[in-house]
Protein backbone atom coordinates (compact mmCIF):
# COMPACT_ATOMS: atom_id res chain seq x y z
CA MET A 1 2.84 -25.52 -46.28
CA ARG A 2 6.46 -25.48 -47.48
CA VAL A 3 9.23 -24.81 -44.97
CA LYS A 4 13.00 -24.58 -45.29
CA LEU A 5 15.19 -26.54 -42.92
CA ALA A 6 18.99 -26.55 -43.02
CA GLY A 7 19.04 -25.95 -46.76
CA LEU A 8 16.25 -28.45 -47.46
CA GLU A 9 12.82 -27.46 -48.75
CA LEU A 10 10.10 -29.62 -47.21
CA ALA A 11 6.60 -29.94 -48.66
CA ASN A 12 5.24 -29.49 -45.13
CA PRO A 13 6.64 -29.35 -41.59
CA VAL A 14 5.51 -32.84 -40.48
CA ILE A 15 8.28 -35.44 -40.16
CA ALA A 16 8.11 -39.05 -38.99
CA ALA A 17 10.46 -39.48 -36.04
CA SER A 18 13.32 -41.95 -35.77
CA GLY A 19 12.62 -45.25 -34.06
CA THR A 20 8.90 -45.14 -34.83
CA PHE A 21 8.88 -45.39 -38.64
CA GLY A 22 11.26 -48.28 -39.30
CA TYR A 23 13.50 -47.56 -42.28
CA GLY A 24 10.58 -45.78 -43.98
CA ILE A 25 9.96 -48.38 -46.65
CA GLU A 26 7.93 -50.52 -44.22
CA PHE A 27 5.24 -47.83 -44.28
CA GLU A 28 4.95 -47.49 -48.05
CA GLU A 29 1.61 -49.34 -48.23
CA ILE A 30 0.16 -47.36 -45.31
CA VAL A 31 1.48 -43.82 -45.70
CA SER A 32 2.20 -41.80 -48.83
CA LEU A 33 5.88 -41.14 -48.13
CA GLU A 34 6.02 -38.20 -50.53
CA ARG A 35 3.19 -36.41 -48.70
CA LEU A 36 5.30 -36.09 -45.56
CA GLY A 37 7.77 -33.29 -45.06
CA ALA A 38 10.37 -35.99 -44.43
CA PHE A 39 10.95 -39.11 -42.38
CA VAL A 40 13.83 -40.15 -40.16
CA THR A 41 15.05 -43.73 -40.27
CA LYS A 42 15.69 -45.75 -37.14
CA GLY A 43 19.21 -45.32 -35.82
CA ILE A 44 21.93 -46.75 -38.05
CA SER A 45 25.17 -48.04 -36.55
CA LEU A 46 28.43 -49.30 -38.00
CA VAL A 47 27.48 -52.95 -37.47
CA ALA A 48 24.11 -54.62 -36.90
CA MET A 49 22.68 -54.58 -33.38
CA ALA A 50 20.09 -56.92 -31.89
CA GLY A 51 18.88 -54.49 -29.24
CA HIS A 52 17.70 -55.46 -25.78
CA PRO A 53 15.77 -58.65 -24.98
CA ALA A 54 12.03 -58.51 -24.32
CA PRO A 55 10.16 -57.02 -22.60
CA ARG A 56 11.29 -53.73 -24.09
CA MET A 57 8.07 -51.73 -24.44
CA VAL A 58 5.61 -50.83 -21.68
CA PRO A 59 2.44 -48.69 -21.90
CA THR A 60 2.15 -45.89 -19.36
CA ALA A 61 -0.44 -43.25 -18.50
CA ALA A 62 -0.52 -40.94 -21.55
CA GLY A 63 2.52 -42.51 -23.16
CA MET A 64 4.89 -45.44 -23.30
CA LEU A 65 8.30 -46.60 -22.13
CA ASN A 66 10.71 -48.22 -24.54
CA ALA A 67 14.13 -49.79 -24.26
CA ILE A 68 14.53 -51.18 -27.77
CA GLY A 69 18.27 -50.69 -27.60
CA LEU A 70 18.72 -49.23 -31.10
CA GLN A 71 18.18 -52.52 -32.94
CA ASN A 72 19.19 -52.10 -36.59
CA ILE A 73 20.73 -53.89 -39.57
CA GLY A 74 23.94 -51.83 -39.75
CA VAL A 75 25.05 -49.24 -42.28
CA GLU A 76 26.17 -51.59 -45.07
CA ASP A 77 22.90 -53.55 -45.11
CA PHE A 78 20.93 -50.32 -44.89
CA ILE A 79 22.68 -48.97 -48.00
CA ALA A 80 22.32 -52.26 -49.87
CA ARG A 81 18.83 -53.37 -48.82
CA LYS A 82 16.77 -50.35 -47.75
CA LEU A 83 17.94 -47.31 -49.71
CA PRO A 84 17.33 -48.79 -53.19
CA ALA A 85 13.64 -49.37 -52.35
CA LEU A 86 13.29 -45.82 -51.02
CA ARG A 87 14.48 -44.44 -54.37
CA ARG A 88 11.09 -45.41 -55.77
CA TYR A 89 9.93 -42.22 -54.05
CA PRO A 90 12.30 -39.56 -55.40
CA ARG A 91 10.40 -36.67 -53.76
CA ALA A 92 10.55 -38.25 -50.30
CA LYS A 93 13.10 -36.63 -48.00
CA VAL A 94 15.08 -39.35 -46.21
CA ILE A 95 16.92 -38.31 -43.05
CA VAL A 96 19.20 -41.00 -41.63
CA ASN A 97 19.60 -41.19 -37.86
CA VAL A 98 23.24 -42.02 -37.03
CA PHE A 99 24.82 -43.30 -33.83
CA GLY A 100 27.88 -45.11 -32.54
CA ALA A 101 29.59 -46.26 -29.36
CA THR A 102 32.56 -43.96 -30.04
CA GLU A 103 33.16 -40.72 -31.92
CA GLY A 104 35.04 -42.71 -34.53
CA GLU A 105 32.05 -44.99 -35.16
CA TYR A 106 29.73 -42.01 -35.67
CA VAL A 107 32.15 -40.55 -38.22
CA GLU A 108 32.66 -43.86 -40.03
CA VAL A 109 28.90 -44.37 -40.42
CA ILE A 110 28.56 -40.87 -41.87
CA GLU A 111 31.49 -41.41 -44.25
CA ARG A 112 29.89 -44.60 -45.60
CA LEU A 113 26.51 -42.89 -45.99
CA ASN A 114 28.20 -40.03 -47.86
CA GLN A 115 28.77 -42.42 -50.76
CA ALA A 116 25.10 -43.43 -50.99
CA GLU A 117 22.36 -41.76 -53.04
CA GLY A 118 18.90 -40.78 -51.88
CA ILE A 119 19.71 -39.26 -48.48
CA ALA A 120 18.72 -35.68 -47.66
CA ALA A 121 20.37 -35.18 -44.26
CA TYR A 122 21.78 -36.87 -41.17
CA GLU A 123 20.35 -36.79 -37.65
CA LEU A 124 23.08 -37.30 -35.08
CA ASN A 125 21.67 -39.32 -32.18
CA VAL A 126 23.40 -38.09 -29.04
CA SER A 127 20.39 -38.64 -26.80
CA CYS A 128 19.19 -42.25 -26.68
CA PRO A 129 18.86 -43.24 -22.98
CA ASN A 130 18.60 -46.98 -23.71
CA VAL A 131 22.17 -47.94 -24.62
CA HIS A 132 25.22 -48.40 -22.41
CA ALA A 133 27.70 -46.70 -24.77
CA GLY A 134 27.18 -43.71 -27.04
CA GLY A 135 23.80 -41.98 -27.18
CA MET A 136 23.06 -39.94 -24.08
CA ALA A 137 26.63 -40.39 -22.88
CA PHE A 138 27.63 -37.84 -25.54
CA GLY A 139 24.56 -35.63 -25.32
CA ALA A 140 24.76 -35.08 -21.57
CA ASP A 141 28.42 -34.01 -21.47
CA PRO A 142 29.24 -30.59 -22.95
CA GLY A 143 32.81 -31.43 -23.95
CA SER A 144 31.89 -34.75 -25.56
CA LEU A 145 28.97 -33.15 -27.42
CA GLU A 146 31.12 -30.33 -28.80
CA TYR A 147 33.86 -32.69 -29.98
CA LEU A 148 31.47 -35.19 -31.57
CA VAL A 149 29.39 -32.58 -33.41
CA ALA A 150 32.51 -30.88 -34.75
CA ARG A 151 33.91 -34.19 -36.05
CA ALA A 152 30.59 -35.25 -37.54
CA LYS A 153 30.10 -31.89 -39.25
CA SER A 154 33.59 -32.09 -40.73
CA ALA A 155 32.81 -35.54 -42.16
CA ALA A 156 29.24 -34.94 -43.33
CA ARG A 157 28.53 -34.01 -46.96
CA ARG A 158 24.89 -33.36 -46.14
CA PRO A 159 23.12 -31.18 -43.54
CA LEU A 160 23.71 -32.31 -39.97
CA ILE A 161 20.81 -32.28 -37.49
CA VAL A 162 21.71 -32.98 -33.85
CA LYS A 163 19.10 -34.77 -31.72
CA LEU A 164 19.44 -33.49 -28.17
CA SER A 165 18.70 -35.22 -24.88
CA PRO A 166 16.20 -33.70 -22.43
CA ASN A 167 18.05 -35.44 -19.58
CA VAL A 168 20.31 -32.45 -18.95
CA THR A 169 20.36 -29.49 -16.59
CA SER A 170 20.06 -26.84 -19.33
CA ILE A 171 18.80 -27.77 -22.79
CA ALA A 172 19.55 -24.25 -24.04
CA HIS A 173 23.20 -24.58 -23.03
CA MET A 174 23.59 -27.90 -24.81
CA ALA A 175 21.84 -26.46 -27.86
CA GLN A 176 24.29 -23.57 -27.98
CA ILE A 177 27.21 -25.99 -27.80
CA ALA A 178 25.86 -28.06 -30.68
CA ALA A 179 25.12 -24.98 -32.77
CA ASP A 180 28.56 -23.48 -32.17
CA ALA A 181 30.18 -26.83 -33.08
CA GLY A 182 28.53 -26.80 -36.50
CA ALA A 183 25.03 -28.29 -36.24
CA ASP A 184 22.76 -27.14 -39.08
CA ALA A 185 19.59 -27.84 -37.08
CA LEU A 186 18.48 -29.39 -33.80
CA SER A 187 15.93 -32.10 -32.97
CA LEU A 188 14.37 -31.99 -29.51
CA VAL A 189 13.41 -33.67 -27.43
CA ASN A 190 14.28 -37.33 -27.28
CA THR A 191 12.73 -39.52 -24.59
CA PHE A 192 13.03 -38.96 -20.84
CA LEU A 193 14.85 -41.60 -18.78
CA ALA A 194 12.18 -43.38 -16.73
CA LEU A 195 11.25 -46.53 -14.81
CA SER A 196 8.18 -48.75 -14.46
CA ILE A 197 7.81 -51.42 -11.75
CA ASP A 198 5.50 -54.44 -11.51
CA VAL A 199 4.40 -54.40 -7.86
CA GLU A 200 3.29 -58.05 -7.96
CA THR A 201 6.70 -59.37 -9.01
CA ARG A 202 8.61 -56.40 -7.53
CA ARG A 203 10.66 -56.28 -10.71
CA PRO A 204 11.18 -53.65 -13.42
CA ARG A 205 8.79 -54.10 -16.33
CA LEU A 206 11.64 -53.59 -18.84
CA SER A 207 14.53 -56.00 -19.24
CA ASN A 208 16.87 -53.01 -19.40
CA ILE A 209 15.39 -51.77 -16.06
CA THR A 210 15.01 -48.20 -17.32
CA GLY A 211 13.73 -46.89 -20.64
CA GLY A 212 12.71 -43.76 -22.50
CA LEU A 213 9.34 -42.13 -21.76
CA SER A 214 7.49 -40.65 -24.76
CA GLY A 215 3.96 -39.65 -25.71
CA PRO A 216 1.53 -36.92 -24.60
CA ALA A 217 2.78 -37.09 -21.00
CA ILE A 218 6.02 -35.32 -21.96
CA LYS A 219 4.52 -32.66 -24.25
CA PRO A 220 4.44 -29.70 -21.81
CA ILE A 221 8.09 -30.28 -20.85
CA ALA A 222 9.14 -30.71 -24.47
CA LEU A 223 7.35 -27.49 -25.42
CA ARG A 224 9.17 -25.60 -22.70
CA MET A 225 12.50 -26.96 -23.92
CA VAL A 226 11.78 -25.99 -27.53
CA TYR A 227 10.82 -22.51 -26.38
CA GLU A 228 14.03 -22.11 -24.34
CA THR A 229 16.18 -23.46 -27.17
CA ALA A 230 14.60 -21.18 -29.78
CA ARG A 231 15.61 -18.19 -27.66
CA ALA A 232 19.20 -19.47 -27.38
CA VAL A 233 20.13 -20.44 -30.96
CA ARG A 234 19.57 -19.16 -34.50
CA ILE A 235 19.48 -22.51 -36.31
CA PRO A 236 16.21 -24.35 -37.10
CA ILE A 237 14.55 -26.60 -34.53
CA LEU A 238 12.57 -29.79 -35.11
CA GLY A 239 10.21 -30.05 -32.15
CA MET A 240 8.78 -33.31 -30.85
CA GLY A 241 7.23 -34.87 -27.79
CA GLY A 242 3.66 -36.10 -27.56
CA ILE A 243 2.29 -34.65 -30.79
CA VAL A 244 -1.07 -36.27 -31.59
CA THR A 245 -3.28 -33.51 -33.04
CA PRO A 246 -2.73 -30.63 -35.47
CA GLU A 247 -3.08 -28.25 -32.53
CA ASP A 248 -0.18 -30.02 -30.80
CA ALA A 249 1.97 -29.37 -33.87
CA VAL A 250 0.92 -25.70 -33.92
CA GLU A 251 1.99 -25.33 -30.29
CA PHE A 252 5.49 -26.52 -31.13
CA LEU A 253 5.69 -24.16 -34.11
CA LEU A 254 4.56 -21.22 -31.99
CA ALA A 255 7.19 -22.15 -29.38
CA GLY A 256 9.89 -21.78 -32.04
CA ALA A 257 10.08 -24.99 -34.06
CA THR A 258 10.44 -24.83 -37.85
CA ALA A 259 9.12 -28.39 -38.23
CA VAL A 260 7.82 -31.15 -35.97
CA GLN A 261 8.49 -34.86 -35.61
CA VAL A 262 5.75 -37.36 -34.83
CA GLY A 263 6.75 -40.55 -33.04
CA THR A 264 4.68 -42.40 -30.44
CA ALA A 265 1.42 -41.50 -32.21
CA SER A 266 2.43 -43.85 -35.03
CA TYR A 267 2.14 -46.83 -32.69
CA ALA A 268 -1.54 -46.10 -32.08
CA ASP A 269 -2.22 -45.02 -35.67
CA PRO A 270 0.30 -46.03 -38.37
CA ARG A 271 -1.12 -43.23 -40.59
CA ALA A 272 -0.65 -40.59 -37.88
CA THR A 273 2.05 -38.66 -39.75
CA GLU A 274 0.07 -38.28 -42.97
CA ARG A 275 -3.12 -37.54 -41.02
CA LEU A 276 -1.33 -34.80 -39.09
CA ALA A 277 0.14 -33.27 -42.24
CA GLN A 278 -3.36 -33.03 -43.72
CA GLY A 279 -4.81 -31.83 -40.43
CA LEU A 280 -2.22 -29.08 -40.07
CA GLU A 281 -3.02 -27.82 -43.56
CA SER A 282 -6.75 -27.76 -42.70
CA TRP A 283 -6.00 -25.92 -39.45
CA CYS A 284 -4.03 -23.27 -41.34
CA ARG A 285 -6.89 -22.80 -43.81
CA SER A 286 -9.51 -22.45 -41.09
CA HIS A 287 -7.34 -19.94 -39.22
CA GLU A 288 -6.41 -18.01 -42.36
CA VAL A 289 -2.71 -18.79 -42.04
CA GLU A 290 -1.42 -18.38 -45.59
CA GLN A 291 2.11 -19.62 -44.88
CA VAL A 292 2.75 -22.15 -42.15
CA LYS A 293 6.27 -20.80 -41.65
CA THR A 294 4.80 -17.63 -40.16
CA LEU A 295 3.74 -19.65 -37.11
CA THR A 296 7.35 -20.38 -36.13
CA GLY A 297 8.19 -18.42 -32.99
CA ALA A 298 4.91 -16.48 -33.12
CA LEU A 299 4.06 -17.12 -29.48
CA GLU A 300 2.64 -13.96 -27.92
CA ILE A 301 3.89 -13.29 -24.41
CA PRO A 302 1.56 -11.00 -22.42
CA PRO A 303 3.19 -8.14 -20.49
CA ARG A 304 3.89 -8.79 -16.85
CA GLN A 305 1.39 -7.32 -14.41
CA GLY A 306 2.47 -5.04 -11.62
């Protein structure tokens, strides 16, 4: 079940996604952290952020909308209060999601994290649709994305994973830009910008008006984007978007992902990540797949007729 990702060896290819797994330590009594391939912390900024006011989560058909607004305790508190507890699990791979309102803030967060122990990699969040500065503003503009990734890579002392936005014209083009600028791996996709309206009040259901759509509803689109990206770049891909079953994870691997991230499923089942890691191993056994890494990019395309 081992896979290699940007110089890291993971025990399996199942990773808990950012924004759905807290800082990791909150799940220690529910999930065996060391049985996951890795987990990604919620986004960490230079200073603490309160996020958006409620309501900021809305259920939808086959998914959910969220506009949390990247609420977090800030980099200094994260290093002081959360990382020490995570060191109780030395085999757990901790990936820290990083964001800022400016390129300088992204770099400063990375520089402060460089001094801390117990971190395996960084995930550069250039794709959150729920904030008014930073996030998708960088991920949707080619020039901004190139500049930010290059600066972050120059500052980072650990592997740099770039989390791309699906809210772009060509995901493959943006992936190429990130890869050429120095990204060691790519995460895709983040949530889709969406809207839900209460017809009785005639008002948006989220205080932020719009939010990010996630869950099984986005899976076919996310799969297509992973497939297109895998054909455009040579660096590893972490696929995500509506993964609930082991078969969902296999689809993303076949489309070209080296590993997968599980997010919204954790809201329905807090043990979803560990359950999926075990389920994927059982699937490989029953299908006589000796090494899970052989599934990556193994999609068979039938010849065109006529």
